[in-house]
Amino acid sequence: MAAPDFIAAWMDSSNGIDMQEVIGKCSGRRRAQRSAWPALVLAAMLGLATGTCQLAKAQTFTVLYSFAGYPTDGAGSVAGLVMDASGNLYGTTTYGGNVNLSYCGSSGYSGCGTVFKLDTNGKETVLHNFAGADGANPNASVIMDARGSLYGTTEFGGRLQDCTGNGSEGCGVVFKLRGNKETVLYPFCSVGSCEDGAEPLAGLVMDRKGTLYGTAYLGGSPGYGVVFKLAGTKETVLHAFTGFPDGAYPIGGLIIDGNGNLYGTASEGGRRNLNCEGCGTVFKLAGRKMTVLHAFKGTPDGDRPAAELFMDINGNLYGTTAFGGNDYSLGTVFEVSAEGKEHVLYRFGPPLDHAGFYPESRVVRDAEGNLYGTTPEGGKFGAGIVFEVSKDGTEKVLHSFCSAKNCADGVYPYGDLIMDAMGNLYGTTFGGGANRSGTIYKITLHSPNAP
């Protein structure tokens, strides 16, 4: 996929970091390239627009922190954030930290990754530097329990003798961080040929008893990934994906309802059709009973969901697909009802209308029913956007990245958004910022009547 001129120009000034490699490889989300730029650009120039996009003006964008990178700080965050009761933010960076093993660095960044805290005064503290055996390269956000302990996953590290075929070492871990003390709760590929799962890309969810649940991208008996349960240090595979009809390769995490049912997405598999060899699924897991709520068809409903879902009080699910939706195949925002009926709320495209494309993050919903999310590409400057999709299907671009000099505002927002009680949005970017190692940002939304 050839980059447009405005991306190519920025690539040439990026201290040797190949941003095309960043787009295709660094996030750990293993996105397939299912579209071609020349056809997209030609279609856009011919004016074949779909959907509605508006540029929003009623908001304030602020960079809260710019990561400094190896060896003093984290770099390259593709994860969302979590906020404590005092307003402090916590998250992970895939790279950076003070440990640089050969298999940890990629796409111009060094280091095995970090867990960090950003206080309300803008002071950042590295809480943990990953070092291989304790995990490496976290791709997901952390969660926090009532005592303030953090829990998360790393894609690599752990049992370093496993998962070595692609230049990495280790199949990933589930970890707990209490203060500055990290504990590996479970290293993956501890059973046979990784029947317990391998390389978790998503974060965790915790039930009322403190039991953790998550997904692993690979592993399981068929090798298409698993849903797992972790009680203390005892791991149980609740479901091993088979490809068809249940799905394959879960990238996104899980959510849990009041009855303990789990909901998630599988990025591939589901139902074979003319558009793709399985475009992914939305599923419900009640104990060990798997129900496919929706199997995507590519066009017109979406292809390759890569993020966790959001559930409203009525049990309706909201999410994104990285591809599909229309002839541009640039992704969708969708709703699946509690009964399993899917409705596409917005289709991204064409690539030159500044609307963004290839959404890989979850959406969050405000009290009025508006949805907010990110795309890591597209927008006015080609480096991603933060968007709003209203109830009537209108999309507004809240921020286009690389709008500041030298992309000081950040580039490529892969991470999920969070929303505080005031409706402010917080997120991270993979690159850009003062040190070109990524940023933490805040968007303050103003009401239409605000001055």
Protein backbone atom coordinates (compact mmCIF):
# COMPACT_ATOMS: atom_id res chain seq x y z
CA MET A 1 0.00 0.00 0.00
CA ALA A 2 1.74 3.15 -1.18
CA ALA A 3 1.53 6.18 1.08
CA PRO A 4 0.06 9.49 -0.12
CA ASP A 5 2.46 12.38 -0.60
CA PHE A 6 1.65 14.04 2.71
CA ILE A 7 2.55 10.83 4.60
CA ALA A 8 5.65 10.22 2.51
CA ALA A 9 6.93 13.71 3.30
CA TRP A 10 6.50 13.11 7.01
CA MET A 11 8.17 9.70 6.72
CA ASP A 12 11.25 11.35 5.24
CA SER A 13 11.60 13.55 8.35
CA SER A 14 10.91 10.90 10.99
CA ASN A 15 14.44 10.22 12.25
CA GLY A 16 14.68 7.08 10.19
CA ILE A 17 11.43 5.54 11.50
CA ASP A 18 9.64 3.84 8.62
CA MET A 19 6.05 4.84 9.22
CA GLN A 20 4.78 2.42 6.60
CA GLU A 21 6.29 -0.33 8.75
CA VAL A 22 4.65 1.29 11.75
CA ILE A 23 1.25 1.20 10.05
CA GLY A 24 1.50 -2.41 9.04
CA LYS A 25 3.38 -4.03 11.90
CA CYS A 26 3.94 -2.05 15.06
CA SER A 27 0.55 -2.09 16.71
CA GLY A 28 0.56 -5.82 17.29
CA ARG A 29 -2.97 -5.96 15.88
CA ARG A 30 -1.88 -7.88 12.74
CA ARG A 31 -4.11 -5.96 10.39
CA ALA A 32 -4.52 -7.55 6.99
CA GLN A 33 -4.14 -5.27 4.00
CA ARG A 34 -7.51 -5.76 2.32
CA SER A 35 -7.63 -2.62 0.21
CA ALA A 36 -5.55 -0.77 -2.36
CA TRP A 37 -4.76 2.96 -2.28
CA PRO A 38 -4.85 3.65 -6.03
CA ALA A 39 -8.45 2.49 -6.43
CA LEU A 40 -9.53 4.35 -3.30
CA VAL A 41 -7.92 7.63 -4.30
CA LEU A 42 -9.30 7.42 -7.85
CA ALA A 43 -12.80 6.78 -6.54
CA ALA A 44 -12.52 9.68 -4.13
CA MET A 45 -11.35 12.04 -6.90
CA LEU A 46 -14.40 11.04 -8.93
CA GLY A 47 -16.59 12.19 -6.06
CA LEU A 48 -18.08 8.83 -5.09
CA ALA A 49 -18.68 9.83 -1.49
CA THR A 50 -20.56 7.75 1.05
CA GLY A 51 -21.73 8.75 4.50
CA THR A 52 -21.75 12.21 5.98
CA CYS A 53 -18.72 13.91 7.49
CA GLN A 54 -18.50 17.28 9.20
CA LEU A 55 -15.60 19.10 10.77
CA ALA A 56 -16.48 19.91 14.38
CA LYS A 57 -15.24 23.11 16.00
CA ALA A 58 -16.63 23.04 19.54
CA GLN A 59 -13.83 21.30 21.39
CA THR A 60 -10.37 21.88 22.84
CA PHE A 61 -7.44 19.54 22.18
CA THR A 62 -4.58 19.37 24.70
CA VAL A 63 -1.40 17.30 24.76
CA LEU A 64 -1.04 16.20 28.38
CA TYR A 65 2.28 14.40 27.92
CA SER A 66 4.84 13.49 25.25
CA PHE A 67 6.70 10.21 25.79
CA ALA A 68 10.50 10.43 25.74
CA GLY A 69 11.27 6.83 24.72
CA TYR A 70 14.10 4.44 25.55
CA PRO A 71 16.00 4.39 27.88
CA THR A 72 14.16 6.73 30.27
CA ASP A 73 10.53 6.46 29.29
CA GLY A 74 7.96 4.54 27.29
CA ALA A 75 7.24 4.83 23.56
CA GLY A 76 4.71 3.72 21.02
CA SER A 77 1.48 3.29 22.97
CA VAL A 78 -1.35 1.46 21.19
CA ALA A 79 -3.43 1.08 24.34
CA GLY A 80 -6.16 3.02 26.04
CA LEU A 81 -6.05 4.50 29.52
CA VAL A 82 -7.70 3.93 32.89
CA MET A 83 -8.47 6.75 35.35
CA ASP A 84 -8.59 6.43 39.13
CA ALA A 85 -10.92 8.31 41.48
CA SER A 86 -8.42 11.17 41.79
CA GLY A 87 -8.12 11.70 38.05
CA ASN A 88 -4.70 10.06 37.59
CA LEU A 89 -4.24 8.15 34.32
CA TYR A 90 -2.58 4.75 33.87
CA GLY A 91 -1.59 2.89 30.72
CA THR A 92 1.03 0.93 28.83
CA THR A 93 3.52 1.57 26.05
CA THR A 94 4.44 -1.21 23.65
CA TYR A 95 8.05 -0.06 23.43
CA GLY A 96 10.45 2.06 25.47
CA GLY A 97 11.55 1.52 29.04
CA ASN A 98 15.08 0.80 30.23
CA VAL A 99 15.41 -2.79 28.94
CA ASN A 100 16.22 -3.31 25.27
CA LEU A 101 16.28 -6.94 24.16
CA SER A 102 16.75 -7.85 20.50
CA TYR A 103 13.21 -9.17 20.10
CA CYS A 104 11.49 -6.24 21.80
CA GLY A 105 12.35 -3.38 19.46
CA SER A 106 10.53 -2.77 16.17
CA SER A 107 9.64 0.03 13.77
CA GLY A 108 12.43 2.29 14.95
CA TYR A 109 11.66 1.99 18.67
CA SER A 110 13.73 0.24 21.33
CA GLY A 111 12.70 -1.31 24.62
CA CYS A 112 10.28 -3.95 25.86
CA GLY A 113 7.57 -1.56 27.04
CA THR A 114 6.30 0.02 30.23
CA VAL A 115 3.38 0.59 32.57
CA PHE A 116 3.04 4.28 33.45
CA LYS A 117 1.10 6.74 35.58
CA LEU A 118 0.30 10.34 34.64
CA ASP A 119 -0.87 12.44 37.58
CA THR A 120 -3.22 15.41 37.40
CA ASN A 121 -0.25 17.80 37.31
CA GLY A 122 1.09 16.20 34.13
CA LYS A 123 3.93 14.35 35.87
CA GLU A 124 4.58 10.92 34.35
CA THR A 125 6.08 8.02 36.31
CA VAL A 126 7.20 4.70 34.85
CA LEU A 127 5.75 2.14 37.24
CA HIS A 128 7.32 -0.89 35.55
CA ASN A 129 9.84 -1.63 32.82
CA PHE A 130 9.27 -5.01 31.14
CA ALA A 131 12.35 -7.18 30.83
CA GLY A 132 11.35 -10.31 28.93
CA ALA A 133 10.75 -13.04 31.48
CA ASP A 134 8.18 -10.82 33.20
CA GLY A 135 6.53 -9.96 29.88
CA ALA A 136 7.32 -7.85 26.84
CA ASN A 137 5.48 -5.47 24.51
CA PRO A 138 2.07 -4.81 26.09
CA ASN A 139 -0.55 -3.83 23.52
CA ALA A 140 -3.56 -3.26 25.75
CA SER A 141 -4.75 -1.04 28.56
CA VAL A 142 -4.65 -2.10 32.19
CA ILE A 143 -7.57 -2.46 34.59
CA MET A 144 -7.59 -1.45 38.26
CA ASP A 145 -9.15 -3.25 41.24
CA ALA A 146 -10.60 -1.67 44.38
CA ARG A 147 -7.17 -1.69 46.07
CA GLY A 148 -5.46 0.12 43.23
CA SER A 149 -3.63 -2.89 41.81
CA LEU A 150 -3.27 -2.97 38.03
CA TYR A 151 -3.76 -6.01 35.79
CA GLY A 152 -2.83 -6.45 32.15
CA THR A 153 -1.28 -8.57 29.41
CA THR A 154 1.81 -8.53 27.24
CA GLU A 155 1.95 -9.95 23.73
CA PHE A 156 5.40 -11.49 24.15
CA GLY A 157 7.77 -12.45 26.95
CA GLY A 158 7.20 -14.93 29.75
CA ARG A 159 8.37 -18.45 28.78
CA LEU A 160 11.13 -17.29 26.45
CA GLN A 161 11.58 -20.72 24.87
CA ASP A 162 8.14 -20.49 23.21
CA CYS A 163 6.73 -18.49 20.29
CA THR A 164 10.13 -17.79 18.75
CA GLY A 165 9.26 -18.25 15.08
CA ASN A 166 8.70 -14.57 14.17
CA GLY A 167 11.69 -12.97 15.89
CA SER A 168 9.95 -12.73 19.25
CA GLU A 169 10.48 -14.76 22.40
CA GLY A 170 7.72 -15.85 24.72
CA CYS A 171 3.97 -16.18 24.16
CA GLY A 172 2.94 -13.40 26.53
CA VAL A 173 1.78 -13.14 30.13
CA VAL A 174 -0.98 -11.93 32.41
CA PHE A 175 0.55 -9.65 35.05
CA LYS A 176 -0.40 -7.84 38.24
CA LEU A 177 1.23 -4.61 39.36
CA ARG A 178 0.87 -3.55 42.98
CA GLY A 179 2.73 -0.28 43.39
CA ASN A 180 6.08 -0.99 41.74
CA LYS A 181 5.96 -4.74 42.30
CA GLU A 182 5.08 -6.79 39.23
CA THR A 183 3.92 -10.41 39.46
CA VAL A 184 3.43 -12.74 36.51
CA LEU A 185 0.09 -14.41 37.20
CA TYR A 186 0.23 -16.64 34.14
CA PRO A 187 2.70 -17.25 31.27
CA PHE A 188 1.02 -18.49 28.10
CA CYS A 189 1.88 -21.65 26.18
CA SER A 190 2.32 -23.52 29.46
CA VAL A 191 0.21 -26.41 28.14
CA GLY A 192 1.21 -28.67 25.23
CA SER A 193 1.23 -26.82 21.91
CA CYS A 194 -0.27 -23.65 23.35
CA GLU A 195 -3.71 -25.14 23.94
CA ASP A 196 -4.01 -22.56 26.72
CA GLY A 197 -3.56 -19.67 24.29
CA ALA A 198 -0.73 -17.50 23.04
CA GLU A 199 0.06 -13.84 22.36
CA PRO A 200 -2.79 -11.92 24.01
CA LEU A 201 -3.32 -8.60 22.27
CA ALA A 202 -6.22 -7.40 24.40
CA GLY A 203 -6.65 -6.40 28.00
CA LEU A 204 -8.66 -8.04 30.77
CA VAL A 205 -12.03 -7.79 32.47
CA MET A 206 -12.67 -8.69 36.11
CA ASP A 207 -15.84 -10.06 37.71
CA ARG A 208 -17.12 -9.31 41.23
CA LYS A 209 -15.07 -12.17 42.69
CA GLY A 210 -11.81 -10.88 41.23
CA THR A 211 -11.63 -13.52 38.49
CA LEU A 212 -9.99 -12.30 35.29
CA TYR A 213 -11.16 -13.00 31.74
CA GLY A 214 -9.50 -12.28 28.43
CA THR A 215 -8.67 -13.39 24.91
CA ALA A 216 -5.50 -14.70 23.29
CA TYR A 217 -4.98 -14.08 19.59
CA LEU A 218 -3.44 -17.50 18.94
CA GLY A 219 -3.44 -20.94 20.54
CA GLY A 220 -6.18 -23.31 21.55
CA SER A 221 -6.54 -26.75 20.05
CA PRO A 222 -7.32 -25.50 16.50
CA GLY A 223 -4.83 -22.62 16.86
CA TYR A 224 -7.33 -19.81 16.20
CA GLY A 225 -7.22 -18.21 19.64
CA VAL A 226 -9.10 -18.61 22.91
CA VAL A 227 -11.26 -17.00 25.56
CA PHE A 228 -9.69 -17.72 28.94
CA LYS A 229 -10.48 -17.43 32.63
CA LEU A 230 -7.83 -16.80 35.28
CA ALA A 231 -8.72 -17.45 38.94
CA GLY A 232 -5.61 -16.58 40.92
CA THR A 233 -2.93 -18.32 38.87
CA LYS A 234 -5.17 -21.10 37.52
CA GLU A 235 -6.02 -20.63 33.84
CA THR A 236 -9.00 -22.29 32.15
CA VAL A 237 -9.85 -22.12 28.45
CA LEU A 238 -13.56 -21.34 28.22
CA HIS A 239 -13.64 -21.46 24.42
CA ALA A 240 -11.15 -22.33 21.68
CA PHE A 241 -12.11 -20.74 18.36
CA THR A 242 -12.54 -23.05 15.38
CA GLY A 243 -12.79 -20.50 12.57
CA PHE A 244 -16.24 -21.44 11.27
CA PRO A 245 -18.87 -20.63 12.41
CA ASP A 246 -17.66 -19.10 15.70
CA GLY A 247 -14.79 -16.94 14.42
CA ALA A 248 -11.00 -16.83 14.65
CA TYR A 249 -8.12 -14.68 15.92
CA PRO A 250 -9.69 -12.45 18.60
CA ILE A 251 -7.89 -9.12 18.72
CA GLY A 252 -10.28 -7.18 20.93
CA GLY A 253 -10.97 -7.73 24.59
CA LEU A 254 -14.12 -8.76 26.44
CA ILE A 255 -16.90 -7.02 28.32
CA ILE A 256 -19.03 -8.63 31.02
CA ASP A 257 -22.70 -8.07 31.92
CA GLY A 258 -24.40 -8.25 35.30
CA ASN A 259 -25.08 -11.96 34.88
CA GLY A 260 -21.46 -12.80 34.15
CA ASN A 261 -21.95 -13.31 30.40
CA LEU A 262 -18.99 -12.34 28.23
CA TYR A 263 -19.18 -10.49 24.92
CA GLY A 264 -16.47 -9.93 22.35
CA THR A 265 -15.38 -10.02 18.72
CA ALA A 266 -13.33 -12.35 16.56
CA SER A 267 -11.45 -10.59 13.77
CA GLU A 268 -11.85 -13.36 11.18
CA GLY A 269 -13.88 -16.48 10.52
CA GLY A 270 -17.59 -16.77 11.07
CA ARG A 271 -19.28 -17.19 7.71
CA ARG A 272 -17.74 -17.68 4.28
CA ASN A 273 -19.03 -15.31 1.61
CA LEU A 274 -17.98 -13.60 -1.60
CA ASN A 275 -16.38 -10.63 0.15
CA CYS A 276 -13.99 -12.45 2.49
CA GLU A 277 -13.07 -15.85 3.82
CA GLY A 278 -14.81 -15.08 7.07
CA CYS A 279 -15.15 -11.40 8.00
CA GLY A 280 -15.34 -11.87 11.77
CA THR A 281 -18.02 -12.22 14.41
CA VAL A 282 -19.68 -10.68 17.45
CA PHE A 283 -20.18 -13.36 20.09
CA LYS A 284 -21.66 -14.03 23.51
CA LEU A 285 -20.19 -16.59 25.90
CA ALA A 286 -22.42 -17.81 28.74
CA GLY A 287 -20.19 -20.08 30.75
CA ARG A 288 -18.88 -22.29 27.95
CA LYS A 289 -21.85 -21.82 25.65
CA MET A 290 -20.82 -19.83 22.57
CA THR A 291 -23.46 -17.91 20.61
CA VAL A 292 -22.60 -15.98 17.45
CA LEU A 293 -24.73 -12.83 17.62
CA HIS A 294 -23.57 -11.59 14.21
CA ALA A 295 -21.28 -12.82 11.44
CA PHE A 296 -19.98 -10.00 9.25
CA LYS A 297 -20.26 -10.09 5.45
CA GLY A 298 -17.79 -7.34 4.50
CA THR A 299 -20.08 -5.20 2.38
CA PRO A 300 -22.34 -3.65 3.45
CA ASP A 301 -22.03 -4.48 7.16
CA GLY A 302 -18.29 -4.55 7.93
CA ASP A 303 -15.18 -6.71 7.97
CA ARG A 304 -12.61 -7.54 10.66
CA PRO A 305 -13.72 -6.20 14.05
CA ALA A 306 -10.55 -5.52 16.03
CA ALA A 307 -11.79 -3.87 19.22
CA GLU A 308 -13.81 -4.65 22.29
CA LEU A 309 -17.47 -3.69 22.45
CA PHE A 310 -19.48 -1.12 24.36
CA MET A 311 -22.84 -2.13 25.92
CA ASP A 312 -25.65 0.30 26.77
CA ILE A 313 -28.18 -0.17 29.57
CA ASN A 314 -30.53 -2.02 27.22
CA GLY A 315 -27.94 -4.60 26.28
CA ASN A 316 -27.24 -3.21 22.80
CA LEU A 317 -23.64 -3.58 21.66
CA TYR A 318 -21.58 -1.01 19.74
CA GLY A 319 -18.27 -1.47 17.97
CA THR A 320 -16.11 -0.89 14.92
CA THR A 321 -14.78 -2.91 12.01
CA ALA A 322 -11.43 -2.07 10.46
CA PHE A 323 -12.62 -2.81 6.92
CA GLY A 324 -15.78 -3.33 4.91
CA GLY A 325 -18.93 -1.24 4.88
CA ASN A 326 -18.90 -0.11 1.26
CA ASP A 327 -16.80 -0.30 -1.90
CA TYR A 328 -14.02 1.66 -0.23
CA SER A 329 -13.79 -0.97 2.55
CA LEU A 330 -12.51 1.58 5.07
CA GLY A 331 -14.44 0.38 8.10
CA THR A 332 -17.67 0.90 9.98
CA VAL A 333 -19.29 1.81 13.27
CA PHE A 334 -22.04 -0.70 14.06
CA GLU A 335 -24.72 -1.63 16.57
CA VAL A 336 -25.86 -5.16 17.41
CA SER A 337 -29.08 -5.41 19.39
CA ALA A 338 -29.50 -7.73 22.35
CA GLU A 339 -31.41 -10.02 19.96
CA GLY A 340 -28.50 -10.11 17.49
CA LYS A 341 -29.75 -7.71 14.82
CA GLU A 342 -26.92 -5.65 13.33
CA HIS A 343 -27.24 -2.08 12.07
CA VAL A 344 -24.43 -0.05 10.48
CA LEU A 345 -24.38 3.41 12.03
CA TYR A 346 -21.59 4.85 9.86
CA ARG A 347 -19.42 3.75 6.94
CA PHE A 348 -16.02 5.42 6.56
CA GLY A 349 -14.91 6.72 3.19
CA PRO A 350 -13.82 7.96 0.75
CA PRO A 351 -10.16 8.40 1.84
CA LEU A 352 -9.88 12.07 0.92
CA ASP A 353 -12.93 13.42 2.76
CA HIS A 354 -10.97 13.77 6.05
CA ALA A 355 -13.24 11.29 7.81
CA GLY A 356 -10.54 8.82 8.79
CA PHE A 357 -10.43 5.12 8.09
CA TYR A 358 -9.48 1.65 9.40
CA PRO A 359 -10.90 2.06 12.94
CA GLU A 360 -9.32 -0.46 15.31
CA SER A 361 -10.39 0.96 18.67
CA ARG A 362 -13.57 0.65 20.72
CA VAL A 363 -16.21 3.37 20.86
CA VAL A 364 -17.53 5.06 23.99
CA ARG A 365 -21.04 6.50 24.29
CA ASP A 366 -22.24 9.64 26.05
CA ALA A 367 -25.58 10.19 27.79
CA GLU A 368 -27.12 11.54 24.59
CA GLY A 369 -26.24 8.45 22.57
CA ASN A 370 -23.31 9.91 20.62
CA LEU A 371 -20.39 7.55 19.97
CA TYR A 372 -16.70 8.51 20.07
CA GLY A 373 -13.66 6.68 18.74
CA THR A 374 -10.44 6.92 16.78
CA THR A 375 -9.03 5.86 13.45
CA PRO A 376 -5.25 5.41 13.14
CA GLU A 377 -5.21 6.69 9.57
CA GLY A 378 -6.92 9.29 7.44
CA GLY A 379 -8.05 12.74 8.47
CA LYS A 380 -6.86 16.05 7.09
CA PHE A 381 -3.18 15.21 7.59
CA GLY A 382 -3.31 11.44 7.08
CA ALA A 383 -2.26 10.52 10.62
CA GLY A 384 -5.61 9.58 12.15
CA ILE A 385 -8.54 11.25 13.83
CA VAL A 386 -10.81 11.34 16.85
CA PHE A 387 -14.42 11.16 15.67
CA GLU A 388 -17.98 11.48 16.89
CA VAL A 389 -20.91 9.62 15.31
CA SER A 390 -24.26 11.04 16.36
CA LYS A 391 -27.51 9.12 16.66
CA ASP A 392 -28.56 10.20 13.16
CA GLY A 393 -25.40 8.74 11.60
CA THR A 394 -23.55 12.02 11.09
CA GLU A 395 -19.80 11.87 11.67
CA LYS A 396 -17.82 14.81 13.05
CA VAL A 397 -14.04 14.97 13.10
CA LEU A 398 -13.06 16.24 16.53
CA HIS A 399 -9.33 16.24 15.81
CA SER A 400 -7.05 15.38 12.89
CA PHE A 401 -3.58 14.36 14.05
CA CYS A 402 -0.34 15.86 12.82
CA SER A 403 -2.06 19.26 12.82
CA ALA A 404 0.71 20.81 14.93
CA LYS A 405 4.24 21.64 13.82
CA ASN A 406 6.37 18.49 13.56
CA CYS A 407 3.27 16.50 14.55
CA ALA A 408 3.64 17.61 18.17
CA ASP A 409 0.02 16.59 18.80
CA GLY A 410 0.79 12.97 17.91
CA VAL A 411 0.22 10.55 15.05
CA TYR A 412 -1.62 7.22 14.69
CA PRO A 413 -4.11 7.00 17.59
CA TYR A 414 -4.55 3.23 17.88
CA GLY A 415 -5.60 3.32 21.53
CA ASP A 416 -9.14 3.26 22.89
CA LEU A 417 -10.72 6.43 24.23
CA ILE A 418 -12.02 6.84 27.76
CA MET A 419 -14.55 9.44 28.93
CA ASP A 420 -14.60 11.05 32.36
CA ALA A 421 -17.67 12.14 34.33
CA MET A 422 -17.57 15.56 32.65
CA GLY A 423 -17.58 14.06 29.17
CA ASN A 424 -13.93 14.80 28.43
CA LEU A 425 -12.09 12.30 26.24
CA TYR A 426 -8.58 10.91 26.84
CA GLY A 427 -6.37 8.81 24.58
CA THR A 428 -2.88 8.00 23.35
CA THR A 429 -0.99 8.11 20.05
CA PHE A 430 1.64 5.70 18.82
CA GLY A 431 4.01 8.33 17.45
CA GLY A 432 4.52 12.06 17.18
CA GLY A 433 4.76 14.40 20.10
CA ALA A 434 7.76 16.44 21.21
CA ASN A 435 10.02 13.37 21.12
CA ARG A 436 8.27 11.43 18.33
CA SER A 437 7.52 8.63 20.76
CA GLY A 438 3.79 9.25 21.18
CA THR A 439 1.50 11.38 23.30
CA ILE A 440 -1.28 11.35 25.88
CA TYR A 441 -4.04 13.79 24.94
CA LYS A 442 -7.32 15.22 26.20
CA ILE A 443 -10.28 16.56 24.24
CA THR A 444 -12.69 18.83 26.12
CA LEU A 445 -16.09 18.92 24.45
CA HIS A 446 -18.21 22.03 24.68
CA SER A 447 -21.99 22.24 24.42
CA PRO A 448 -23.43 24.10 21.41
CA ASN A 449 -24.32 27.05 23.66
CA ALA A 450 -20.91 27.27 25.28
CA PRO A 451 -18.91 30.48 24.62
